Protein backbone atom coordinates (compact mmCIF):
# COMPACT_ATOMS: atom_id res chain seq x y z
CA MET A 1 29.08 0.38 5.92
CA ASN A 2 31.60 2.10 3.64
CA ARG A 3 30.87 0.54 0.27
CA HIS A 4 30.02 3.13 -2.35
CA ASN A 5 26.65 1.53 -3.13
CA ILE A 6 25.39 1.38 0.49
CA VAL A 7 23.96 4.50 2.12
CA PRO A 8 21.94 5.06 5.33
CA PHE A 9 18.21 5.37 4.68
CA GLY A 10 16.94 6.20 8.15
CA THR A 11 16.56 4.95 11.70
CA THR A 12 13.66 2.93 13.09
CA PRO A 13 11.88 3.94 16.32
CA ALA A 14 13.87 1.12 17.98
CA GLY A 15 17.13 2.80 16.94
CA GLU A 16 18.09 0.40 14.12
CA THR A 17 19.84 1.92 11.12
CA VAL A 18 18.26 1.06 7.78
CA TYR A 19 20.46 1.02 4.67
CA LYS A 20 19.76 1.37 0.96
CA ILE A 21 21.83 -0.74 -1.44
CA HIS A 22 22.15 0.34 -5.08
CA LEU A 23 22.78 -2.36 -7.69
CA GLN A 24 23.57 -1.60 -11.31
CA ASN A 25 24.76 -3.23 -14.50
CA GLN A 26 24.68 -2.12 -18.15
CA ASP A 27 20.97 -2.86 -18.51
CA LEU A 28 19.22 -2.41 -15.15
CA SER A 29 19.52 -0.74 -11.77
CA CYS A 30 17.63 -1.22 -8.53
CA ASP A 31 17.59 -0.11 -4.90
CA ILE A 32 17.02 -2.53 -2.03
CA LEU A 33 16.31 -1.56 1.57
CA THR A 34 17.36 -3.52 4.62
CA TYR A 35 13.93 -2.63 6.03
CA GLY A 36 11.73 -5.50 4.94
CA ALA A 37 14.35 -6.57 2.37
CA ALA A 38 12.26 -4.34 0.12
CA LEU A 39 12.79 -3.48 -3.52
CA GLN A 40 12.43 0.30 -3.51
CA SER A 41 13.06 0.85 -7.22
CA LEU A 42 13.73 -1.07 -10.42
CA VAL A 43 14.86 1.00 -13.40
CA VAL A 44 14.75 -0.48 -16.90
CA PRO A 45 15.14 1.03 -20.40
CA ASP A 46 12.06 1.70 -22.52
CA ARG A 47 11.94 1.27 -26.31
CA ASP A 48 13.62 4.68 -26.77
CA GLY A 49 16.39 3.96 -24.26
CA GLN A 50 14.86 6.18 -21.57
CA ARG A 51 15.18 4.88 -18.02
CA VAL A 52 11.86 4.01 -16.34
CA ASP A 53 11.30 3.08 -12.69
CA VAL A 54 8.65 0.35 -12.87
CA LEU A 55 8.09 -0.22 -9.12
CA LEU A 56 5.78 1.64 -6.76
CA GLY A 57 7.44 2.67 -3.52
CA TYR A 58 8.31 5.41 -1.04
CA ASP A 59 11.08 7.97 -0.66
CA THR A 60 11.51 7.80 3.13
CA LEU A 61 11.70 5.21 5.87
CA GLU A 62 8.86 6.98 7.68
CA GLN A 63 6.59 6.27 4.73
CA TYR A 64 7.54 2.58 4.78
CA LEU A 65 6.86 2.43 8.52
CA GLN A 66 3.39 3.90 8.00
CA GLY A 67 2.56 2.61 4.51
CA GLY A 68 0.67 -0.63 5.01
CA CYS A 69 0.84 -1.73 1.35
CA TYR A 70 3.94 -3.98 1.52
CA PHE A 71 5.48 -2.04 -1.40
CA GLY A 72 8.36 -4.21 -2.64
CA ALA A 73 8.74 -6.05 0.67
CA THR A 74 9.96 -9.59 1.27
CA VAL A 75 6.98 -11.22 2.98
CA GLY A 76 7.12 -14.13 5.45
CA ARG A 77 7.21 -16.45 7.30
CA VAL A 78 4.14 -17.26 5.25
CA ALA A 79 2.90 -15.06 2.44
CA ASN A 80 -0.84 -14.55 2.06
CA ARG A 81 -3.55 -15.78 4.44
CA ILE A 82 -3.92 -18.52 7.05
CA ALA A 83 -7.57 -19.00 7.97
CA GLY A 84 -8.43 -18.20 11.56
CA GLY A 85 -4.77 -17.64 12.41
CA GLN A 86 -4.55 -21.27 13.49
CA PHE A 87 -2.95 -24.48 12.23
CA GLU A 88 -1.85 -27.87 13.47
CA LEU A 89 1.57 -29.36 12.86
CA ASN A 90 2.79 -32.68 14.27
CA ASN A 91 -0.36 -32.85 16.44
CA VAL A 92 0.41 -29.49 18.06
CA SER A 93 -1.93 -26.52 17.61
CA TYR A 94 -0.44 -23.09 16.91
CA ASN A 95 -2.20 -19.74 17.19
CA LEU A 96 -1.04 -16.78 15.13
CA PRO A 97 -1.94 -13.10 15.50
CA LEU A 98 -4.89 -11.95 13.40
CA ASN A 99 -4.12 -8.95 11.20
CA ASP A 100 -6.65 -9.34 8.39
CA GLY A 101 -10.09 -9.61 9.95
CA ASN A 102 -10.41 -13.16 11.26
CA ASN A 103 -7.22 -14.30 9.53
CA HIS A 104 -3.44 -14.17 9.72
CA HIS A 105 -1.88 -12.40 6.72
CA HIS A 106 1.64 -12.06 5.29
CA GLY A 107 3.39 -13.37 8.39
CA GLY A 108 1.53 -11.26 10.92
CA PRO A 109 1.61 -7.65 12.17
CA ASP A 110 5.35 -7.96 12.86
CA GLY A 111 6.26 -10.22 9.94
CA PHE A 112 9.46 -10.18 7.92
CA ALA A 113 8.29 -7.16 5.91
CA PHE A 114 8.62 -5.03 9.06
CA ARG A 115 12.06 -6.21 10.20
CA VAL A 116 15.51 -4.78 9.59
CA TRP A 117 17.54 -7.38 7.73
CA LYS A 118 21.32 -7.83 7.88
CA ILE A 119 23.62 -7.33 4.89
CA ASP A 120 25.56 -10.58 4.47
CA GLY A 121 27.30 -9.90 1.18
CA VAL A 122 27.28 -7.19 -1.48
CA SER A 123 28.82 -6.37 -4.85
CA ASP A 124 27.97 -3.89 -7.59
CA THR A 125 25.31 -6.25 -8.99
CA SER A 126 24.24 -8.46 -6.07
CA VAL A 127 23.30 -8.32 -2.41
CA THR A 128 22.36 -11.00 0.12
CA LEU A 129 20.26 -10.03 3.14
CA SER A 130 19.56 -12.30 6.09
CA LEU A 131 17.14 -12.49 9.00
CA HIS A 132 16.89 -14.70 12.08
CA SER A 133 13.39 -15.45 13.31
CA PRO A 134 13.27 -17.16 16.73
CA ASP A 135 11.04 -20.01 17.82
CA GLY A 136 7.57 -18.63 18.64
CA ASP A 137 8.03 -15.53 16.47
CA GLN A 138 4.49 -14.43 15.45
CA GLY A 139 3.33 -17.79 16.80
CA TYR A 140 5.35 -20.01 14.44
CA PRO A 141 7.46 -22.94 15.68
CA GLY A 142 11.18 -23.27 15.12
CA ASN A 143 14.20 -21.01 14.88
CA ILE A 144 14.49 -20.11 11.21
CA ASP A 145 17.29 -18.39 9.32
CA VAL A 146 16.27 -16.72 6.07
CA GLU A 147 18.21 -15.25 3.14
CA ALA A 148 17.01 -13.01 0.33
CA GLU A 149 19.45 -12.60 -2.55
CA PHE A 150 18.98 -9.97 -5.28
CA THR A 151 21.17 -10.22 -8.40
CA LEU A 152 21.23 -8.29 -11.66
CA GLN A 153 22.27 -10.46 -14.61
CA ASP A 154 22.11 -8.71 -17.99
CA SER A 155 18.43 -7.74 -18.41
CA THR A 156 17.16 -9.85 -15.50
CA LEU A 157 16.63 -9.43 -11.77
CA VAL A 158 17.05 -12.77 -10.01
CA LEU A 159 15.51 -13.22 -6.54
CA ARG A 160 16.56 -16.24 -4.49
CA HIS A 161 14.97 -17.09 -1.15
CA ARG A 162 16.57 -19.63 1.18
CA ALA A 163 15.62 -20.75 4.67
CA VAL A 164 16.56 -23.41 7.23
CA SER A 165 14.70 -24.18 10.48
CA ASP A 166 15.69 -26.30 13.48
CA ALA A 167 12.11 -27.59 13.82
CA ASP A 168 9.28 -28.34 11.44
CA THR A 169 7.58 -25.06 10.54
CA LEU A 170 5.78 -23.27 7.71
CA CYS A 171 7.61 -21.20 5.11
CA SER A 172 6.38 -19.39 1.99
CA LEU A 173 8.38 -16.31 1.08
CA THR A 174 7.51 -13.83 -1.66
CA SER A 175 8.51 -10.45 -3.02
CA HIS A 176 5.56 -8.05 -2.92
CA GLY A 177 6.50 -5.68 -5.74
CA TYR A 178 3.84 -3.46 -7.33
CA PHE A 179 4.71 -3.07 -11.02
CA ASN A 180 3.67 -0.38 -13.47
CA LEU A 181 5.56 -0.85 -16.73
CA ALA A 182 4.64 2.63 -17.93
CA GLY A 183 6.41 4.05 -14.88
CA HIS A 184 5.54 4.03 -11.20
CA ASN A 185 4.04 7.54 -11.44
CA SER A 186 1.97 7.01 -14.60
CA GLY A 187 -1.43 6.33 -13.01
CA SER A 188 -3.59 3.32 -13.78
CA ALA A 189 -1.81 0.20 -15.03
CA MET A 190 -4.99 -1.46 -16.25
CA ASP A 191 -4.30 -0.80 -19.94
CA GLN A 192 -1.13 -2.87 -19.66
CA HIS A 193 -1.20 -6.46 -20.88
CA ILE A 194 -0.95 -9.63 -18.79
CA LEU A 195 -0.53 -13.32 -19.54
CA LEU A 196 -0.40 -16.02 -16.87
CA PHE A 197 0.91 -19.51 -17.59
CA ALA A 198 -1.90 -21.04 -15.56
CA HIS A 199 -4.79 -23.30 -16.55
CA ALA A 200 -6.30 -23.12 -13.06
CA TYR A 201 -6.67 -20.90 -10.02
CA THR A 202 -7.80 -21.31 -6.40
CA PRO A 203 -11.21 -19.64 -5.94
CA SER A 204 -11.65 -18.00 -2.54
CA ASN A 205 -14.34 -16.78 -0.20
CA ALA A 206 -15.07 -13.14 0.59
CA GLU A 207 -12.17 -13.08 3.09
CA GLY A 208 -9.64 -14.24 0.49
CA ILE A 209 -9.44 -17.77 1.93
CA PRO A 210 -9.30 -20.48 -0.76
CA LEU A 211 -12.23 -22.89 -0.93
CA GLY A 212 -9.78 -25.80 -1.04
CA ILE A 213 -10.13 -26.57 -4.74
CA THR A 214 -8.38 -25.65 -7.95
CA GLN A 215 -10.70 -24.59 -10.74
CA SER A 216 -10.16 -24.34 -14.48
CA VAL A 217 -9.99 -20.82 -15.88
CA GLU A 218 -11.65 -22.04 -19.09
CA ARG A 219 -14.55 -19.87 -20.28
CA THR A 220 -14.25 -17.45 -17.34
CA PRO A 221 -12.77 -13.94 -16.97
CA MET A 222 -10.06 -15.59 -14.84
CA ASP A 223 -8.56 -16.97 -18.07
CA LEU A 224 -5.39 -14.94 -18.65
CA ARG A 225 -3.59 -17.46 -20.86
CA GLU A 226 -3.53 -15.02 -23.79
CA LEU A 227 -1.97 -11.57 -23.63
CA LEU A 228 -4.83 -9.16 -22.88
CA PRO A 229 -5.16 -5.71 -21.33
CA ILE A 230 -5.71 -6.22 -17.60
CA GLN A 231 -8.88 -4.12 -17.81
CA THR A 232 -10.52 -6.46 -20.38
CA HIS A 233 -12.56 -8.47 -17.85
CA ILE A 234 -11.77 -6.83 -14.52
CA GLU A 235 -15.24 -5.26 -14.25
CA ASP A 236 -17.12 -8.42 -15.32
CA SER A 237 -19.96 -9.49 -13.04
CA PHE A 238 -18.08 -12.66 -12.12
CA PRO A 239 -18.47 -13.37 -8.38
CA GLN A 240 -14.75 -13.92 -7.76
CA LEU A 241 -13.88 -10.56 -9.32
CA VAL A 242 -16.77 -8.69 -7.72
CA GLN A 243 -15.98 -9.78 -4.16
CA ALA A 244 -12.25 -8.97 -4.53
CA LYS A 245 -12.86 -5.67 -6.38
CA GLY A 246 -10.71 -7.00 -9.21
CA TYR A 247 -8.00 -9.63 -9.48
CA ASP A 248 -6.67 -10.78 -6.11
CA HIS A 249 -6.21 -14.49 -6.76
CA ASN A 250 -3.68 -17.28 -6.61
CA TYR A 251 -3.02 -19.00 -9.92
CA VAL A 252 -1.59 -22.50 -10.35
CA ILE A 253 1.59 -22.17 -12.41
CA ASN A 254 1.76 -24.83 -15.14
CA GLY A 255 4.58 -27.36 -14.87
CA ASN A 256 6.56 -29.01 -12.10
CA ILE A 257 7.20 -27.32 -8.76
CA VAL A 258 10.89 -26.60 -8.03
CA GLU A 259 11.65 -26.34 -11.77
CA LEU A 260 12.22 -22.79 -13.00
CA ARG A 261 9.42 -22.25 -15.51
CA PRO A 262 7.37 -19.44 -17.06
CA ALA A 263 4.76 -17.92 -14.75
CA ALA A 264 3.73 -14.59 -16.31
CA ILE A 265 4.33 -12.01 -19.01
CA ALA A 266 3.35 -8.33 -18.71
CA MET A 267 3.88 -5.45 -21.12
CA SER A 268 3.14 -1.77 -21.67
CA ASP A 269 2.30 -0.40 -25.11
CA LEU A 270 3.23 3.08 -23.90
CA THR A 271 6.87 2.36 -23.05
CA GLY A 272 7.37 -0.88 -24.95
CA ILE A 273 8.65 -2.52 -21.76
CA SER A 274 7.95 -6.25 -21.53
CA MET A 275 8.52 -8.29 -18.36
CA ARG A 276 8.59 -12.06 -18.06
CA VAL A 277 8.39 -13.82 -14.69
CA ASP A 278 9.81 -17.31 -14.18
CA SER A 279 9.64 -19.14 -10.85
CA THR A 280 10.17 -22.41 -9.02
CA MET A 281 7.15 -21.77 -6.79
CA PRO A 282 3.79 -23.58 -7.24
CA GLY A 283 1.58 -20.48 -7.38
CA ILE A 284 1.52 -16.85 -8.45
CA HIS A 285 -0.83 -14.34 -6.83
CA PHE A 286 -2.08 -11.76 -9.30
CA TYR A 287 -3.25 -8.64 -7.47
CA THR A 288 -4.38 -5.43 -9.16
CA ALA A 289 -3.80 -3.07 -6.22
CA ASN A 290 -7.53 -2.89 -5.55
CA TYR A 291 -7.08 -1.67 -1.98
CA VAL A 292 -4.41 0.98 -2.41
CA SER A 293 -6.02 4.15 -1.09
CA VAL A 294 -6.81 7.14 -3.31
CA ASP A 295 -4.05 9.79 -3.23
CA HIS A 296 -1.65 7.39 -1.50
CA PRO A 297 1.74 9.18 -1.27
CA GLY A 298 4.47 7.73 -3.46
CA LYS A 299 7.98 8.39 -4.71
CA GLY A 300 8.98 11.76 -6.08
CA GLY A 301 5.91 13.51 -4.71
CA CYS A 302 3.49 11.55 -6.88
CA THR A 303 0.36 9.88 -5.58
CA TYR A 304 -0.86 6.33 -6.18
CA GLY A 305 -4.35 4.93 -6.18
CA PRO A 306 -6.33 1.74 -6.74
CA ARG A 307 -5.11 -0.24 -9.77
CA HIS A 308 -2.05 1.96 -10.31
CA GLY A 309 0.06 -1.19 -10.28
CA PHE A 310 -0.13 -4.96 -10.19
CA CYS A 311 1.58 -7.64 -8.13
CA LEU A 312 2.86 -11.02 -9.32
CA GLU A 313 3.69 -12.73 -6.02
CA THR A 314 5.17 -16.20 -6.45
CA GLN A 315 4.20 -18.36 -3.47
CA PHE A 316 2.71 -21.49 -2.01
CA TYR A 317 -1.07 -21.32 -2.28
CA PRO A 318 -2.85 -19.25 0.41
CA ASP A 319 -3.98 -21.24 3.46
CA ALA A 320 -2.19 -24.31 2.04
CA ILE A 321 -1.64 -25.78 5.52
CA HIS A 322 -5.41 -26.44 5.74
CA HIS A 323 -5.76 -28.14 2.36
CA GLU A 324 -4.07 -31.50 1.80
CA SER A 325 -4.56 -31.27 -1.96
CA PHE A 326 -2.43 -28.09 -2.13
CA PRO A 327 1.39 -28.23 -2.30
CA SER A 328 2.62 -28.30 1.27
CA PRO A 329 4.17 -25.18 2.84
CA ILE A 330 5.77 -27.28 5.61
CA LEU A 331 9.53 -26.83 5.91
CA GLU A 332 10.95 -29.82 7.75
CA ALA A 333 13.70 -29.39 10.32
CA GLY A 334 17.12 -29.22 8.68
CA LYS A 335 15.75 -29.17 5.14
CA VAL A 336 16.62 -26.21 2.92
CA TYR A 337 13.89 -23.98 1.49
CA ASN A 338 15.35 -22.81 -1.82
CA HIS A 339 13.20 -21.00 -4.40
CA SER A 340 13.91 -18.54 -7.18
CA THR A 341 11.92 -15.99 -9.15
CA VAL A 342 13.40 -14.26 -12.20
CA PHE A 343 12.14 -10.99 -13.72
CA SER A 344 13.37 -10.57 -17.31
CA PHE A 345 12.95 -7.33 -19.25
CA ASN A 346 12.80 -6.63 -22.96
CA ASN A 347 11.34 -4.11 -25.39
CA ILE A 348 8.54 -4.61 -27.88
C-alpha cells in the first residue's frame, strides 16, 4: 500500500494489517478504515468556514476492537435484529448466534463490522472495499461477495453497497455512523434538530423486535415530520420511548423503494451545519445513542456518553424475514443487491 492517502492503522490479534484511507475534495474530507469498513471521521465546514468532525469514533484499532458501539461501521449480513436468531428460507431452518439477549443483532458477534475488508480501488475522493463471506458464515446460507463504496462529490458523501450471493440468503447492509453536527466532542446532541420523511414507523417490543405492523406517527411523539429539536419529545411518557430509553426505532421512508429519495434532515444551530440523508432503502433507523456508556473514550482524548450523537441507519426493517408485510430482505441467488445512501451537507 504505497498510495499517499493510505496508511497502516494497526494489526488485529490475528495478524491482519488494518489500513486508514483518507479522502478529500474542496468541501469535505473523511477517513475510512478497512476494519469494519468503518467511517472514522467526516469533516465538514461550519457557517464560519471552520472544519468540524461530525462523527463519533476512536483513535486506535484497539479501541475499535473493544468498543462495542459499531461507531461508523458497515453492518451486515443483516443490520438490526432477527428474533430468536432463527429464520426459514426455502423450507430450510437456519440458526444464527445470539448476541443481543434472545436475538441475533447486526450480523452476529463476528459480523461484517468486525472483519478486515480488502481495498479494491482507491482515488483521492473514492474508495471501494470488499469482503467475501462464505456459506454458513454466522449461520447464513450462501457465499456472498460484498462491496462498500465511499465517494466524496462536492458537498456530499455517497455510500453504495453492493452484494451478490450464489444461493438465496438475507442481506441488509447499513452504515452505523453516530453524528453530532456540533462536533463529535461537543457533548449531547439532543438540542440539534431532526426531520424524518416518514409517516409511519414499526413499533417494537421491549427487546427491539417489531410487532409486525407499521403505525402512523400522527399525534404521537414519534412524529418527526417537522424540524424539531431531538429533545422535544424524547422524555415523553410514551411507551415506545420509555422502553427504548429514547428513540431507537425504524421509520418507513416515504416513497418507492429503490428510488433515491429524501429520508432525513438534521441540523445544528451552534455550527450551522445541516445534513440531508437520501436513500434507496425502505427504512431508516433513528437511534439517539441511548446505550453509549458514560465516559466512553472517544477521539482526541474526549469522552462520549448517552445521547452524544444520533444514528440514521438506512436499512430493511428489523426482523423483516418474519413479517410478510415488510419489504423482503431476501437476496436471491445471482441477483445484485445495490443500494445507495447520500449524506449532503450545507450551512444555515
